[in-house]
mmCIF file of all heavy atoms, coordinates in Angstrom:
data_MODEL
# 
_entry.id   MODEL 
# 
loop_
_atom_site.group_PDB 
_atom_site.id 
_atom_site.type_symbol 
_atom_site.label_atom_id 
_atom_site.label_alt_id 
_atom_site.label_comp_id 
_atom_site.label_asym_id 
_atom_site.label_entity_id 
_atom_site.label_seq_id 
_atom_site.pdbx_PDB_ins_code 
_atom_site.Cartn_x 
_atom_site.Cartn_y 
_atom_site.Cartn_z 
_atom_site.occupancy 
_atom_site.B_iso_or_equiv 
_atom_site.pdbx_formal_charge 
_atom_site.auth_seq_id 
_atom_site.auth_comp_id 
_atom_site.auth_asym_id 
_atom_site.auth_atom_id 
_atom_site.pdbx_PDB_model_num 
ATOM 1   N N   . ALA A 1 1  ? -8.549  16.237  5.508  1.00 0.00 ? 1  ALA A N   1 
ATOM 2   C CA  . ALA A 1 1  ? -7.293  15.504  5.352  1.00 0.00 ? 1  ALA A CA  1 
ATOM 3   C C   . ALA A 1 1  ? -7.156  14.431  6.427  1.00 0.00 ? 1  ALA A C   1 
ATOM 4   O O   . ALA A 1 1  ? -6.685  13.331  6.175  1.00 0.00 ? 1  ALA A O   1 
ATOM 5   C CB  . ALA A 1 1  ? -6.115  16.474  5.429  1.00 0.00 ? 1  ALA A CB  1 
ATOM 6   N N   . SER A 1 2  ? -7.589  14.731  7.657  1.00 0.00 ? 2  SER A N   1 
ATOM 7   C CA  . SER A 1 2  ? -7.451  13.754  8.729  1.00 0.00 ? 2  SER A CA  1 
ATOM 8   C C   . SER A 1 2  ? -8.398  12.583  8.563  1.00 0.00 ? 2  SER A C   1 
ATOM 9   O O   . SER A 1 2  ? -8.147  11.490  9.048  1.00 0.00 ? 2  SER A O   1 
ATOM 10  C CB  . SER A 1 2  ? -7.708  14.419  10.090 1.00 0.00 ? 2  SER A CB  1 
ATOM 11  O OG  . SER A 1 2  ? -9.065  14.842  10.169 1.00 0.00 ? 2  SER A OG  1 
ATOM 12  N N   . GLU A 1 3  ? -9.503  12.800  7.844  1.00 0.00 ? 3  GLU A N   1 
ATOM 13  C CA  . GLU A 1 3  ? -10.462 11.722  7.630  1.00 0.00 ? 3  GLU A CA  1 
ATOM 14  C C   . GLU A 1 3  ? -10.143 10.902  6.394  1.00 0.00 ? 3  GLU A C   1 
ATOM 15  O O   . GLU A 1 3  ? -10.715 9.852   6.165  1.00 0.00 ? 3  GLU A O   1 
ATOM 16  C CB  . GLU A 1 3  ? -11.869 12.308  7.516  1.00 0.00 ? 3  GLU A CB  1 
ATOM 17  C CG  . GLU A 1 3  ? -12.366 12.934  8.823  1.00 0.00 ? 3  GLU A CG  1 
ATOM 18  C CD  . GLU A 1 3  ? -13.663 13.700  8.618  1.00 0.00 ? 3  GLU A CD  1 
ATOM 19  O OE1 . GLU A 1 3  ? -14.160 13.706  7.466  1.00 0.00 ? 3  GLU A OE1 1 
ATOM 20  O OE2 . GLU A 1 3  ? -14.168 14.279  9.593  1.00 0.00 ? 3  GLU A OE2 1 
ATOM 21  N N   . ALA A 1 4  ? -9.220  11.392  5.569  1.00 0.00 ? 4  ALA A N   1 
ATOM 22  C CA  . ALA A 1 4  ? -8.879  10.659  4.358  1.00 0.00 ? 4  ALA A CA  1 
ATOM 23  C C   . ALA A 1 4  ? -8.183  9.356   4.743  1.00 0.00 ? 4  ALA A C   1 
ATOM 24  O O   . ALA A 1 4  ? -7.392  9.310   5.689  1.00 0.00 ? 4  ALA A O   1 
ATOM 25  C CB  . ALA A 1 4  ? -7.949  11.498  3.479  1.00 0.00 ? 4  ALA A CB  1 
ATOM 26  N N   . PRO A 1 5  ? -8.473  8.272   4.021  1.00 0.00 ? 5  PRO A N   1 
ATOM 27  C CA  . PRO A 1 5  ? -7.849  6.998   4.371  1.00 0.00 ? 5  PRO A CA  1 
ATOM 28  C C   . PRO A 1 5  ? -6.345  7.041   4.162  1.00 0.00 ? 5  PRO A C   1 
ATOM 29  O O   . PRO A 1 5  ? -5.853  7.639   3.215  1.00 0.00 ? 5  PRO A O   1 
ATOM 30  C CB  . PRO A 1 5  ? -8.525  6.003   3.411  1.00 0.00 ? 5  PRO A CB  1 
ATOM 31  C CG  . PRO A 1 5  ? -9.008  6.838   2.265  1.00 0.00 ? 5  PRO A CG  1 
ATOM 32  C CD  . PRO A 1 5  ? -9.363  8.167   2.861  1.00 0.00 ? 5  PRO A CD  1 
ATOM 33  N N   . THR A 1 6  ? -5.600  6.451   5.049  1.00 0.00 ? 6  THR A N   1 
ATOM 34  C CA  . THR A 1 6  ? -4.155  6.382   4.935  1.00 0.00 ? 6  THR A CA  1 
ATOM 35  C C   . THR A 1 6  ? -3.721  4.931   4.938  1.00 0.00 ? 6  THR A C   1 
ATOM 36  O O   . THR A 1 6  ? -4.381  4.059   5.494  1.00 0.00 ? 6  THR A O   1 
ATOM 37  C CB  . THR A 1 6  ? -3.477  7.112   6.118  1.00 0.00 ? 6  THR A CB  1 
ATOM 38  O OG1 . THR A 1 6  ? -3.921  6.521   7.341  1.00 0.00 ? 6  THR A OG1 1 
ATOM 39  C CG2 . THR A 1 6  ? -3.833  8.591   6.112  1.00 0.00 ? 6  THR A CG2 1 
ATOM 40  N N   . ALA A 1 7  ? -2.596  4.687   4.282  1.00 0.00 ? 7  ALA A N   1 
ATOM 41  C CA  . ALA A 1 7  ? -2.079  3.325   4.221  1.00 0.00 ? 7  ALA A CA  1 
ATOM 42  C C   . ALA A 1 7  ? -1.592  2.889   5.603  1.00 0.00 ? 7  ALA A C   1 
ATOM 43  O O   . ALA A 1 7  ? -0.966  3.662   6.316  1.00 0.00 ? 7  ALA A O   1 
ATOM 44  C CB  . ALA A 1 7  ? -0.930  3.252   3.220  1.00 0.00 ? 7  ALA A CB  1 
ATOM 45  N N   . GLY A 1 8  ? -1.921  1.660   5.980  1.00 0.00 ? 8  GLY A N   1 
ATOM 46  C CA  . GLY A 1 8  ? -1.495  1.153   7.276  1.00 0.00 ? 8  GLY A CA  1 
ATOM 47  C C   . GLY A 1 8  ? -0.013  0.854   7.286  1.00 0.00 ? 8  GLY A C   1 
ATOM 48  O O   . GLY A 1 8  ? 0.645   0.824   6.234  1.00 0.00 ? 8  GLY A O   1 
ATOM 49  N N   . PRO A 1 9  ? 0.561   0.635   8.454  1.00 0.00 ? 9  PRO A N   1 
ATOM 50  C CA  . PRO A 1 9  ? 1.983   0.327   8.533  1.00 0.00 ? 9  PRO A CA  1 
ATOM 51  C C   . PRO A 1 9  ? 2.296   -1.016  7.908  1.00 0.00 ? 9  PRO A C   1 
ATOM 52  O O   . PRO A 1 9  ? 1.474   -1.927  7.925  1.00 0.00 ? 9  PRO A O   1 
ATOM 53  C CB  . PRO A 1 9  ? 2.249   0.324   10.047 1.00 0.00 ? 9  PRO A CB  1 
ATOM 54  C CG  . PRO A 1 9  ? 0.918   0.022   10.668 1.00 0.00 ? 9  PRO A CG  1 
ATOM 55  C CD  . PRO A 1 9  ? -0.102  0.661   9.768  1.00 0.00 ? 9  PRO A CD  1 
ATOM 56  N N   . TRP A 1 10 ? 3.486   -1.122  7.345  1.00 0.00 ? 10 TRP A N   1 
ATOM 57  C CA  . TRP A 1 10 ? 3.902   -2.383  6.741  1.00 0.00 ? 10 TRP A CA  1 
ATOM 58  C C   . TRP A 1 10 ? 4.046   -3.434  7.838  1.00 0.00 ? 10 TRP A C   1 
ATOM 59  O O   . TRP A 1 10 ? 4.618   -3.156  8.894  1.00 0.00 ? 10 TRP A O   1 
ATOM 60  C CB  . TRP A 1 10 ? 5.222   -2.201  6.010  1.00 0.00 ? 10 TRP A CB  1 
ATOM 61  C CG  . TRP A 1 10 ? 5.667   -3.411  5.249  1.00 0.00 ? 10 TRP A CG  1 
ATOM 62  C CD1 . TRP A 1 10 ? 5.317   -3.754  3.984  1.00 0.00 ? 10 TRP A CD1 1 
ATOM 63  C CD2 . TRP A 1 10 ? 6.532   -4.449  5.722  1.00 0.00 ? 10 TRP A CD2 1 
ATOM 64  N NE1 . TRP A 1 10 ? 5.904   -4.937  3.628  1.00 0.00 ? 10 TRP A NE1 1 
ATOM 65  C CE2 . TRP A 1 10 ? 6.658   -5.389  4.672  1.00 0.00 ? 10 TRP A CE2 1 
ATOM 66  C CE3 . TRP A 1 10 ? 7.204   -4.674  6.912  1.00 0.00 ? 10 TRP A CE3 1 
ATOM 67  C CZ2 . TRP A 1 10 ? 7.435   -6.526  4.782  1.00 0.00 ? 10 TRP A CZ2 1 
ATOM 68  C CZ3 . TRP A 1 10 ? 7.982   -5.821  7.035  1.00 0.00 ? 10 TRP A CZ3 1 
ATOM 69  C CH2 . TRP A 1 10 ? 8.100   -6.727  5.975  1.00 0.00 ? 10 TRP A CH2 1 
ATOM 70  N N   . ALA A 1 11 ? 3.517   -4.608  7.611  1.00 0.00 ? 11 ALA A N   1 
ATOM 71  C CA  . ALA A 1 11 ? 3.538   -5.652  8.638  1.00 0.00 ? 11 ALA A CA  1 
ATOM 72  C C   . ALA A 1 11 ? 3.979   -6.969  8.008  1.00 0.00 ? 11 ALA A C   1 
ATOM 73  O O   . ALA A 1 11 ? 3.387   -7.420  7.022  1.00 0.00 ? 11 ALA A O   1 
ATOM 74  C CB  . ALA A 1 11 ? 2.168   -5.813  9.278  1.00 0.00 ? 11 ALA A CB  1 
ATOM 75  N N   . PRO A 1 12 ? 5.004   -7.614  8.566  1.00 0.00 ? 12 PRO A N   1 
ATOM 76  C CA  . PRO A 1 12 ? 5.411   -8.917  8.052  1.00 0.00 ? 12 PRO A CA  1 
ATOM 77  C C   . PRO A 1 12 ? 4.423   -9.999  8.461  1.00 0.00 ? 12 PRO A C   1 
ATOM 78  O O   . PRO A 1 12 ? 3.967   -10.037 9.600  1.00 0.00 ? 12 PRO A O   1 
ATOM 79  C CB  . PRO A 1 12 ? 6.778   -9.138  8.710  1.00 0.00 ? 12 PRO A CB  1 
ATOM 80  C CG  . PRO A 1 12 ? 6.695   -8.367  9.990  1.00 0.00 ? 12 PRO A CG  1 
ATOM 81  C CD  . PRO A 1 12 ? 5.828   -7.170  9.703  1.00 0.00 ? 12 PRO A CD  1 
ATOM 82  N N   . VAL A 1 13 ? 4.096   -10.879 7.538  1.00 0.00 ? 13 VAL A N   1 
ATOM 83  C CA  . VAL A 1 13 ? 3.254   -12.034 7.846  1.00 0.00 ? 13 VAL A CA  1 
ATOM 84  C C   . VAL A 1 13 ? 4.122   -13.205 8.309  1.00 0.00 ? 13 VAL A C   1 
ATOM 85  O O   . VAL A 1 13 ? 3.742   -13.959 9.197  1.00 0.00 ? 13 VAL A O   1 
ATOM 86  C CB  . VAL A 1 13 ? 2.420   -12.441 6.615  1.00 0.00 ? 13 VAL A CB  1 
ATOM 87  C CG1 . VAL A 1 13 ? 1.590   -13.682 6.913  1.00 0.00 ? 13 VAL A CG1 1 
ATOM 88  C CG2 . VAL A 1 13 ? 1.520   -11.304 6.192  1.00 0.00 ? 13 VAL A CG2 1 
ATOM 89  N N   . ILE A 1 14 ? 5.290   -13.333 7.696  1.00 0.00 ? 14 ILE A N   1 
ATOM 90  C CA  . ILE A 1 14 ? 6.244   -14.374 8.054  1.00 0.00 ? 14 ILE A CA  1 
ATOM 91  C C   . ILE A 1 14 ? 7.600   -13.727 8.271  1.00 0.00 ? 14 ILE A C   1 
ATOM 92  O O   . ILE A 1 14 ? 8.031   -12.886 7.479  1.00 0.00 ? 14 ILE A O   1 
ATOM 93  C CB  . ILE A 1 14 ? 6.346   -15.455 6.955  1.00 0.00 ? 14 ILE A CB  1 
ATOM 94  C CG1 . ILE A 1 14 ? 5.006   -16.173 6.774  1.00 0.00 ? 14 ILE A CG1 1 
ATOM 95  C CG2 . ILE A 1 14 ? 7.440   -16.470 7.279  1.00 0.00 ? 14 ILE A CG2 1 
ATOM 96  C CD1 . ILE A 1 14 ? 4.979   -17.120 5.583  1.00 0.00 ? 14 ILE A CD1 1 
ATOM 97  N N   . ALA A 1 15 ? 8.268   -14.086 9.346  1.00 0.00 ? 15 ALA A N   1 
ATOM 98  C CA  . ALA A 1 15 ? 9.645   -13.667 9.587  1.00 0.00 ? 15 ALA A CA  1 
ATOM 99  C C   . ALA A 1 15 ? 10.559  -14.868 9.413  1.00 0.00 ? 15 ALA A C   1 
ATOM 100 O O   . ALA A 1 15 ? 10.180  -16.003 9.725  1.00 0.00 ? 15 ALA A O   1 
ATOM 101 C CB  . ALA A 1 15 ? 9.803   -13.076 10.990 1.00 0.00 ? 15 ALA A CB  1 
ATOM 102 N N   . PHE A 1 16 ? 11.763  -14.623 8.900  1.00 0.00 ? 16 PHE A N   1 
ATOM 103 C CA  . PHE A 1 16 ? 12.718  -15.707 8.724  1.00 0.00 ? 16 PHE A CA  1 
ATOM 104 C C   . PHE A 1 16 ? 14.136  -15.169 8.888  1.00 0.00 ? 16 PHE A C   1 
ATOM 105 O O   . PHE A 1 16 ? 14.385  -13.970 8.740  1.00 0.00 ? 16 PHE A O   1 
ATOM 106 C CB  . PHE A 1 16 ? 12.548  -16.392 7.363  1.00 0.00 ? 16 PHE A CB  1 
ATOM 107 C CG  . PHE A 1 16 ? 12.765  -15.493 6.172  1.00 0.00 ? 16 PHE A CG  1 
ATOM 108 C CD1 . PHE A 1 16 ? 14.010  -15.398 5.559  1.00 0.00 ? 16 PHE A CD1 1 
ATOM 109 C CD2 . PHE A 1 16 ? 11.716  -14.741 5.651  1.00 0.00 ? 16 PHE A CD2 1 
ATOM 110 C CE1 . PHE A 1 16 ? 14.214  -14.581 4.458  1.00 0.00 ? 16 PHE A CE1 1 
ATOM 111 C CE2 . PHE A 1 16 ? 11.905  -13.916 4.550  1.00 0.00 ? 16 PHE A CE2 1 
ATOM 112 C CZ  . PHE A 1 16 ? 13.153  -13.825 3.946  1.00 0.00 ? 16 PHE A CZ  1 
ATOM 113 N N   . ALA A 1 17 ? 15.048  -16.066 9.207  1.00 0.00 ? 17 ALA A N   1 
ATOM 114 C CA  . ALA A 1 17 ? 16.451  -15.705 9.378  1.00 0.00 ? 17 ALA A CA  1 
ATOM 115 C C   . ALA A 1 17 ? 17.208  -16.033 8.107  1.00 0.00 ? 17 ALA A C   1 
ATOM 116 O O   . ALA A 1 17 ? 17.024  -17.099 7.509  1.00 0.00 ? 17 ALA A O   1 
ATOM 117 C CB  . ALA A 1 17 ? 17.048  -16.442 10.572 1.00 0.00 ? 17 ALA A CB  1 
ATOM 118 N N   . ALA A 1 18 ? 18.091  -15.108 7.691  1.00 0.00 ? 18 ALA A N   1 
ATOM 119 C CA  . ALA A 1 18 ? 18.924  -15.317 6.513  1.00 0.00 ? 18 ALA A CA  1 
ATOM 120 C C   . ALA A 1 18 ? 20.154  -14.423 6.621  1.00 0.00 ? 18 ALA A C   1 
ATOM 121 O O   . ALA A 1 18 ? 20.041  -13.249 6.994  1.00 0.00 ? 18 ALA A O   1 
ATOM 122 C CB  . ALA A 1 18 ? 18.159  -15.011 5.226  1.00 0.00 ? 18 ALA A CB  1 
ATOM 123 N N   . GLY A 1 19 ? 21.308  -14.971 6.311  1.00 0.00 ? 19 GLY A N   1 
ATOM 124 C CA  . GLY A 1 19 ? 22.527  -14.175 6.289  1.00 0.00 ? 19 GLY A CA  1 
ATOM 125 C C   . GLY A 1 19 ? 22.908  -13.565 7.617  1.00 0.00 ? 19 GLY A C   1 
ATOM 126 O O   . GLY A 1 19 ? 23.656  -12.591 7.652  1.00 0.00 ? 19 GLY A O   1 
ATOM 127 N N   . GLY A 1 20 ? 22.388  -14.079 8.722  1.00 0.00 ? 20 GLY A N   1 
ATOM 128 C CA  . GLY A 1 20 ? 22.671  -13.515 10.029 1.00 0.00 ? 20 GLY A CA  1 
ATOM 129 C C   . GLY A 1 20 ? 21.738  -12.401 10.429 1.00 0.00 ? 20 GLY A C   1 
ATOM 130 O O   . GLY A 1 20 ? 21.882  -11.834 11.517 1.00 0.00 ? 20 GLY A O   1 
ATOM 131 N N   . SER A 1 21 ? 20.751  -12.063 9.579  1.00 0.00 ? 21 SER A N   1 
ATOM 132 C CA  . SER A 1 21 ? 19.768  -11.020 9.869  1.00 0.00 ? 21 SER A CA  1 
ATOM 133 C C   . SER A 1 21 ? 18.372  -11.625 9.936  1.00 0.00 ? 21 SER A C   1 
ATOM 134 O O   . SER A 1 21 ? 18.172  -12.786 9.578  1.00 0.00 ? 21 SER A O   1 
ATOM 135 C CB  . SER A 1 21 ? 19.813  -9.921  8.795  1.00 0.00 ? 21 SER A CB  1 
ATOM 136 O OG  . SER A 1 21 ? 21.066  -9.264  8.764  1.00 0.00 ? 21 SER A OG  1 
ATOM 137 N N   . ILE A 1 22 ? 17.404  -10.817 10.385 1.00 0.00 ? 22 ILE A N   1 
ATOM 138 C CA  . ILE A 1 22 ? 15.996  -11.228 10.407 1.00 0.00 ? 22 ILE A CA  1 
ATOM 139 C C   . ILE A 1 22 ? 15.248  -10.449 9.335  1.00 0.00 ? 22 ILE A C   1 
ATOM 140 O O   . ILE A 1 22 ? 15.350  -9.211  9.271  1.00 0.00 ? 22 ILE A O   1 
ATOM 141 C CB  . ILE A 1 22 ? 15.345  -10.971 11.783 1.00 0.00 ? 22 ILE A CB  1 
ATOM 142 C CG1 . ILE A 1 22 ? 16.113  -11.688 12.894 1.00 0.00 ? 22 ILE A CG1 1 
ATOM 143 C CG2 . ILE A 1 22 ? 13.888  -11.411 11.770 1.00 0.00 ? 22 ILE A CG2 1 
ATOM 144 C CD1 . ILE A 1 22 ? 16.067  -13.184 12.840 1.00 0.00 ? 22 ILE A CD1 1 
ATOM 145 N N   . TYR A 1 23 ? 14.503  -11.160 8.499  1.00 0.00 ? 23 TYR A N   1 
ATOM 146 C CA  . TYR A 1 23 ? 13.726  -10.552 7.419  1.00 0.00 ? 23 TYR A CA  1 
ATOM 147 C C   . TYR A 1 23 ? 12.243  -10.863 7.613  1.00 0.00 ? 23 TYR A C   1 
ATOM 148 O O   . TYR A 1 23 ? 11.871  -11.810 8.317  1.00 0.00 ? 23 TYR A O   1 
ATOM 149 C CB  . TYR A 1 23 ? 14.184  -11.083 6.056  1.00 0.00 ? 23 TYR A CB  1 
ATOM 150 C CG  . TYR A 1 23 ? 15.565  -10.621 5.659  1.00 0.00 ? 23 TYR A CG  1 
ATOM 151 C CD1 . TYR A 1 23 ? 16.696  -11.311 6.088  1.00 0.00 ? 23 TYR A CD1 1 
ATOM 152 C CD2 . TYR A 1 23 ? 15.736  -9.483  4.875  1.00 0.00 ? 23 TYR A CD2 1 
ATOM 153 C CE1 . TYR A 1 23 ? 17.970  -10.875 5.746  1.00 0.00 ? 23 TYR A CE1 1 
ATOM 154 C CE2 . TYR A 1 23 ? 17.013  -9.052  4.516  1.00 0.00 ? 23 TYR A CE2 1 
ATOM 155 C CZ  . TYR A 1 23 ? 18.120  -9.745  4.952  1.00 0.00 ? 23 TYR A CZ  1 
ATOM 156 O OH  . TYR A 1 23 ? 19.368  -9.305  4.614  1.00 0.00 ? 23 TYR A OH  1 
ATOM 157 N N   . GLY A 1 24 ? 11.412  -10.079 6.952  1.00 0.00 ? 24 GLY A N   1 
ATOM 158 C CA  . GLY A 1 24 ? 9.983   -10.313 6.961  1.00 0.00 ? 24 GLY A CA  1 
ATOM 159 C C   . GLY A 1 24 ? 9.429   -10.241 5.552  1.00 0.00 ? 24 GLY A C   1 
ATOM 160 O O   . GLY A 1 24 ? 9.967   -9.522  4.698  1.00 0.00 ? 24 GLY A O   1 
ATOM 161 N N   . VAL A 1 25 ? 8.378   -10.985 5.298  1.00 0.00 ? 25 VAL A N   1 
ATOM 162 C CA  . VAL A 1 25 ? 7.676   -10.927 4.014  1.00 0.00 ? 25 VAL A CA  1 
ATOM 163 C C   . VAL A 1 25 ? 6.206   -10.687 4.299  1.00 0.00 ? 25 VAL A C   1 
ATOM 164 O O   . VAL A 1 25 ? 5.627   -11.305 5.198  1.00 0.00 ? 25 VAL A O   1 
ATOM 165 C CB  . VAL A 1 25 ? 7.894   -12.221 3.189  1.00 0.00 ? 25 VAL A CB  1 
ATOM 166 C CG1 . VAL A 1 25 ? 7.475   -13.460 3.965  1.00 0.00 ? 25 VAL A CG1 1 
ATOM 167 C CG2 . VAL A 1 25 ? 7.153   -12.146 1.855  1.00 0.00 ? 25 VAL A CG2 1 
ATOM 168 N N   . ASP A 1 26 ? 5.592   -9.746  3.575  1.00 0.00 ? 26 ASP A N   1 
ATOM 169 C CA  . ASP A 1 26 ? 4.181   -9.458  3.795  1.00 0.00 ? 26 ASP A CA  1 
ATOM 170 C C   . ASP A 1 26 ? 3.319   -10.275 2.848  1.00 0.00 ? 26 ASP A C   1 
ATOM 171 O O   . ASP A 1 26 ? 3.826   -11.065 2.029  1.00 0.00 ? 26 ASP A O   1 
ATOM 172 C CB  . ASP A 1 26 ? 3.892   -7.959  3.679  1.00 0.00 ? 26 ASP A CB  1 
ATOM 173 C CG  . ASP A 1 26 ? 4.079   -7.408  2.270  1.00 0.00 ? 26 ASP A CG  1 
ATOM 174 O OD1 . ASP A 1 26 ? 4.347   -8.195  1.337  1.00 0.00 ? 26 ASP A OD1 1 
ATOM 175 O OD2 . ASP A 1 26 ? 3.971   -6.179  2.101  1.00 0.00 ? 26 ASP A OD2 1 
ATOM 176 N N   . ALA A 1 27 ? 2.010   -10.088 2.937  1.00 0.00 ? 27 ALA A N   1 
ATOM 177 C CA  . ALA A 1 27 ? 1.077   -10.900 2.152  1.00 0.00 ? 27 ALA A CA  1 
ATOM 178 C C   . ALA A 1 27 ? 1.222   -10.658 0.653  1.00 0.00 ? 27 ALA A C   1 
ATOM 179 O O   . ALA A 1 27 ? 0.863   -11.519 -0.145 1.00 0.00 ? 27 ALA A O   1 
ATOM 180 C CB  . ALA A 1 27 ? -0.357  -10.612 2.591  1.00 0.00 ? 27 ALA A CB  1 
ATOM 181 N N   . ALA A 1 28 ? 1.754   -9.483  0.276  1.00 0.00 ? 28 ALA A N   1 
ATOM 182 C CA  . ALA A 1 28 ? 1.938   -9.171  -1.134 1.00 0.00 ? 28 ALA A CA  1 
ATOM 183 C C   . ALA A 1 28 ? 3.257   -9.692  -1.675 1.00 0.00 ? 28 ALA A C   1 
ATOM 184 O O   . ALA A 1 28 ? 3.547   -9.529  -2.860 1.00 0.00 ? 28 ALA A O   1 
ATOM 185 C CB  . ALA A 1 28 ? 1.848   -7.658  -1.339 1.00 0.00 ? 28 ALA A CB  1 
ATOM 186 N N   . GLY A 1 29 ? 4.075   -10.294 -0.827 1.00 0.00 ? 29 GLY A N   1 
ATOM 187 C CA  . GLY A 1 29 ? 5.352   -10.822 -1.270 1.00 0.00 ? 29 GLY A CA  1 
ATOM 188 C C   . GLY A 1 29 ? 6.510   -9.850  -1.160 1.00 0.00 ? 29 GLY A C   1 
ATOM 189 O O   . GLY A 1 29 ? 7.603   -10.130 -1.665 1.00 0.00 ? 29 GLY A O   1 
# 
């Protein structure tokens, strides 16, 4: 189980400001 591949953490490629908050979008949209 420890050697089985696991999904990596979600990572934003681009960050942007909207509505007074900070958002991120990853490569998959």
